[in-house]
């Protein structure tokens, strides 16, 4: 039990360090237009793979907090985040924090469920993909729900030639995040799956041997 706790603390510490590195240096962010391709979803996925929903939630929360801090110029600045913060600081925090925390929690639950059916190695790749997919889905959904009536978001709809209907919103989200989302999903799937496979192959995972993989 003590060894398990030690491993969990080490993994959380390492993933937090990686998130800090990604958030405070250009390494983890590739700006493209108003959005950025982010690598921060990868430490969240790895924490979920290694520690389940608790680890995923913890790293998702750290990611969300660091993402919000970027709105006020701490770390790599976010142009969109700065605009949203000026509109409503509280809603900007909710929009930046909640999707990332929820993403981490859900992919942790997903990895646990899939591991029991297809094994930890295969489920690591699926977890990596879902980390990127759900992060984008939750981020954009919260943007539309919380800021959809603002001039800023309405202007984005107009830029992509869409109306704020259900179908128009779907097309807007696809057009807005299309290339970025695809790249994030590919990178997260490969890296998270590779790291997860290595952790299982080296018998670092599962932390509790009774869980099996």
Protein backbone atom coordinates (compact mmCIF):
# COMPACT_ATOMS: atom_id res chain seq x y z
CA UNK A 1 0.00 0.00 0.00
CA UNK A 2 2.79 2.42 0.92
CA UNK A 3 4.60 1.66 -2.34
CA UNK A 4 1.38 2.27 -4.27
CA UNK A 5 0.87 5.67 -2.63
CA UNK A 6 4.47 6.60 -3.35
CA UNK A 7 4.10 5.74 -7.03
CA UNK A 8 0.86 7.72 -7.24
CA UNK A 9 2.47 10.79 -5.67
CA UNK A 10 5.46 10.54 -8.01
CA UNK A 11 3.22 10.29 -11.08
CA UNK A 12 1.08 13.24 -9.96
CA UNK A 13 4.22 15.29 -9.28
CA UNK A 14 5.73 14.49 -12.66
CA UNK A 15 2.53 15.26 -14.57
CA UNK A 16 2.08 18.52 -12.66
CA UNK A 17 5.66 19.49 -13.56
CA UNK A 18 4.98 18.72 -17.22
CA UNK A 19 1.80 20.80 -17.15
CA UNK A 20 3.68 23.72 -15.62
CA UNK A 21 6.38 23.42 -18.26
CA UNK A 22 3.80 23.32 -21.04
CA UNK A 23 1.84 26.28 -19.60
CA UNK A 24 4.75 28.60 -18.84
CA UNK A 25 6.81 27.96 -21.96
CA UNK A 26 5.90 27.81 -25.68
CA UNK A 27 6.61 24.05 -25.66
CA UNK A 28 3.05 23.05 -24.89
CA UNK A 29 1.17 25.57 -27.01
CA UNK A 30 1.13 26.07 -30.76
CA UNK A 31 -0.94 29.21 -31.58
CA UNK A 32 -3.04 29.00 -34.75
CA UNK A 33 -5.52 31.86 -35.16
CA UNK A 34 -7.73 32.51 -32.10
CA UNK A 35 -7.14 28.98 -30.80
CA UNK A 36 -4.02 27.00 -30.00
CA UNK A 37 -3.00 23.39 -30.39
CA UNK A 38 -2.31 22.33 -26.81
CA UNK A 39 -0.28 19.43 -25.50
CA UNK A 40 -1.60 19.90 -21.95
CA UNK A 41 -4.20 17.21 -22.53
CA UNK A 42 -1.45 14.58 -22.62
CA UNK A 43 -0.40 14.79 -18.91
CA UNK A 44 -4.10 14.70 -18.03
CA UNK A 45 -4.54 11.52 -20.07
CA UNK A 46 -1.46 9.88 -18.55
CA UNK A 47 -2.64 10.70 -15.02
CA UNK A 48 -6.04 9.20 -15.86
CA UNK A 49 -4.37 6.09 -17.27
CA UNK A 50 -2.14 5.65 -14.25
CA UNK A 51 -4.43 6.76 -11.44
CA UNK A 52 -7.97 6.51 -12.74
CA UNK A 53 -10.66 9.17 -12.24
CA UNK A 54 -8.99 10.68 -9.16
CA UNK A 55 -5.74 11.26 -11.02
CA UNK A 56 -7.57 12.47 -14.11
CA UNK A 57 -9.64 14.91 -12.08
CA UNK A 58 -6.57 16.20 -10.24
CA UNK A 59 -4.58 16.84 -13.42
CA UNK A 60 -7.63 18.15 -15.27
CA UNK A 61 -8.14 20.65 -12.45
CA UNK A 62 -4.49 21.74 -12.62
CA UNK A 63 -4.82 22.13 -16.39
CA UNK A 64 -8.01 24.16 -15.95
CA UNK A 65 -6.44 26.46 -13.40
CA UNK A 66 -3.35 27.05 -15.52
CA UNK A 67 -5.58 27.65 -18.56
CA UNK A 68 -7.46 30.33 -16.63
CA UNK A 69 -4.24 31.99 -15.51
CA UNK A 70 -3.28 32.32 -19.16
CA UNK A 71 -6.33 34.56 -19.57
CA UNK A 72 -4.65 37.15 -17.34
CA UNK A 73 -1.22 36.81 -18.90
CA UNK A 74 0.32 34.29 -16.49
CA UNK A 75 2.10 31.72 -18.60
CA UNK A 76 1.67 31.65 -22.36
CA UNK A 77 -1.00 34.33 -23.03
CA UNK A 78 -4.34 33.33 -24.55
CA UNK A 79 -5.90 35.91 -26.85
CA UNK A 80 -9.35 34.38 -26.61
CA UNK A 81 -9.00 33.94 -22.87
CA UNK A 82 -8.10 37.60 -22.38
CA UNK A 83 -11.20 38.70 -24.31
CA UNK A 84 -13.47 36.36 -22.35
CA UNK A 85 -11.94 37.54 -19.06
CA UNK A 86 -12.68 41.16 -19.99
CA UNK A 87 -16.29 40.21 -20.74
CA UNK A 88 -16.89 38.25 -17.52
CA UNK A 89 -14.04 37.01 -15.29
CA UNK A 90 -16.18 34.47 -13.40
CA UNK A 91 -17.64 32.89 -16.52
CA UNK A 92 -14.16 32.87 -18.06
CA UNK A 93 -12.97 30.83 -15.07
CA UNK A 94 -15.88 28.40 -15.41
CA UNK A 95 -15.30 28.06 -19.15
CA UNK A 96 -11.59 27.38 -18.69
CA UNK A 97 -11.68 25.22 -15.55
CA UNK A 98 -14.79 23.03 -15.60
CA UNK A 99 -14.31 21.41 -19.06
CA UNK A 100 -10.73 20.36 -18.22
CA UNK A 101 -11.62 18.96 -14.78
CA UNK A 102 -14.62 17.09 -16.20
CA UNK A 103 -12.50 15.77 -19.06
CA UNK A 104 -9.95 14.30 -16.63
CA UNK A 105 -12.62 12.71 -14.46
CA UNK A 106 -14.47 11.08 -17.35
CA UNK A 107 -11.42 9.70 -19.15
CA UNK A 108 -10.24 8.23 -15.85
CA UNK A 109 -13.56 6.42 -15.51
CA UNK A 110 -13.37 5.40 -19.17
CA UNK A 111 -9.89 3.93 -18.80
CA UNK A 112 -10.93 1.93 -15.75
CA UNK A 113 -13.94 0.49 -17.57
CA UNK A 114 -12.05 -0.31 -20.77
CA UNK A 115 -9.09 -1.86 -18.95
CA UNK A 116 -11.35 -4.53 -17.49
CA UNK A 117 -12.54 -5.43 -21.01
CA UNK A 118 -9.66 -4.92 -23.45
CA UNK A 119 -6.62 -4.46 -21.21
CA UNK A 120 -4.65 -1.44 -20.06
CA UNK A 121 -2.42 -1.09 -23.12
CA UNK A 122 -5.19 -0.89 -25.71
CA UNK A 123 -7.35 1.31 -23.51
CA UNK A 124 -4.46 3.78 -23.11
CA UNK A 125 -4.71 4.73 -26.78
CA UNK A 126 -8.47 5.19 -26.55
CA UNK A 127 -8.03 7.28 -23.39
CA UNK A 128 -5.51 9.50 -25.18
CA UNK A 129 -7.93 10.07 -28.05
CA UNK A 130 -10.88 10.77 -25.76
CA UNK A 131 -8.84 13.21 -23.68
CA UNK A 132 -8.37 15.43 -26.73
CA UNK A 133 -11.87 14.87 -28.12
CA UNK A 134 -13.73 15.58 -24.88
CA UNK A 135 -11.51 18.56 -24.06
CA UNK A 136 -12.44 20.17 -27.39
CA UNK A 137 -16.12 19.22 -27.12
CA UNK A 138 -16.50 20.53 -23.56
CA UNK A 139 -14.43 23.66 -24.23
CA UNK A 140 -16.45 24.70 -27.28
CA UNK A 141 -19.80 23.75 -25.77
CA UNK A 142 -19.11 25.87 -22.69
CA UNK A 143 -17.94 28.73 -24.92
CA UNK A 144 -21.24 28.72 -26.81
CA UNK A 145 -23.40 28.25 -23.70
CA UNK A 146 -21.67 30.87 -21.57
CA UNK A 147 -20.64 33.46 -24.15
CA UNK A 148 -22.87 32.73 -27.14
CA UNK A 149 -24.82 35.97 -26.79
CA UNK A 150 -21.73 38.20 -26.65
CA UNK A 151 -20.62 40.26 -29.62
CA UNK A 152 -17.30 38.41 -29.64
CA UNK A 153 -18.77 34.95 -30.16
CA UNK A 154 -21.48 36.24 -32.48
CA UNK A 155 -18.71 37.77 -34.56
CA UNK A 156 -17.01 34.38 -34.74
CA UNK A 157 -20.24 32.81 -36.00
CA UNK A 158 -20.46 35.47 -38.71
CA UNK A 159 -16.82 34.96 -39.64
CA UNK A 160 -17.55 31.30 -40.41
CA UNK A 161 -20.85 32.11 -42.10
CA UNK A 162 -23.05 30.31 -39.57
CA UNK A 163 -26.18 31.18 -37.63
CA UNK A 164 -26.72 30.38 -33.97
CA UNK A 165 -29.02 27.44 -34.63
CA UNK A 166 -28.34 23.86 -33.55
CA UNK A 167 -27.00 22.85 -36.96
CA UNK A 168 -25.21 26.16 -37.39
CA UNK A 169 -23.51 25.77 -34.01
CA UNK A 170 -22.34 22.27 -34.92
CA UNK A 171 -20.88 23.50 -38.22
CA UNK A 172 -19.33 26.50 -36.49
CA UNK A 173 -17.56 24.32 -33.92
CA UNK A 174 -16.30 21.93 -36.59
CA UNK A 175 -14.97 24.79 -38.73
CA UNK A 176 -13.51 26.68 -35.78
CA UNK A 177 -11.51 23.84 -34.23
CA UNK A 178 -11.23 21.45 -37.19
CA UNK A 179 -7.50 21.33 -37.91
CA UNK A 180 -6.44 22.01 -34.32
CA UNK A 181 -8.69 19.29 -32.93
CA UNK A 182 -7.52 16.68 -35.42
CA UNK A 183 -3.86 17.35 -34.64
CA UNK A 184 -4.50 17.26 -30.89
CA UNK A 185 -6.37 13.95 -31.15
CA UNK A 186 -3.64 12.32 -33.23
CA UNK A 187 -0.80 13.50 -30.99
CA UNK A 188 -2.63 12.69 -27.75
CA UNK A 189 -3.59 9.22 -28.99
CA UNK A 190 -0.03 8.33 -30.02
CA UNK A 191 1.83 9.84 -27.05
CA UNK A 192 -0.63 8.87 -24.30
CA UNK A 193 -1.07 5.39 -25.73
CA UNK A 194 2.68 4.94 -26.06
CA UNK A 195 3.38 6.08 -22.51
CA UNK A 196 0.56 3.96 -21.13
CA UNK A 197 1.81 0.91 -23.01
CA UNK A 198 5.32 1.48 -21.68
CA UNK A 199 4.05 1.79 -18.10
CA UNK A 200 2.15 -1.49 -18.39
CA UNK A 201 5.01 -3.26 -20.16
CA UNK A 202 7.45 -2.20 -17.43
CA UNK A 203 4.97 -3.39 -14.76
CA UNK A 204 4.70 0.06 -13.20
CA UNK A 205 0.99 -0.24 -13.93
CA UNK A 206 -1.36 -1.34 -12.58
CA UNK A 207 -0.36 0.27 -9.27
CA UNK A 208 -2.52 -2.23 -7.43
CA UNK A 209 -1.65 -5.65 -8.79
CA UNK A 210 -5.10 -6.97 -7.94
CA UNK A 211 -6.59 -4.64 -10.57
CA UNK A 212 -4.86 -6.54 -13.40
CA UNK A 213 -4.46 -5.26 -16.96
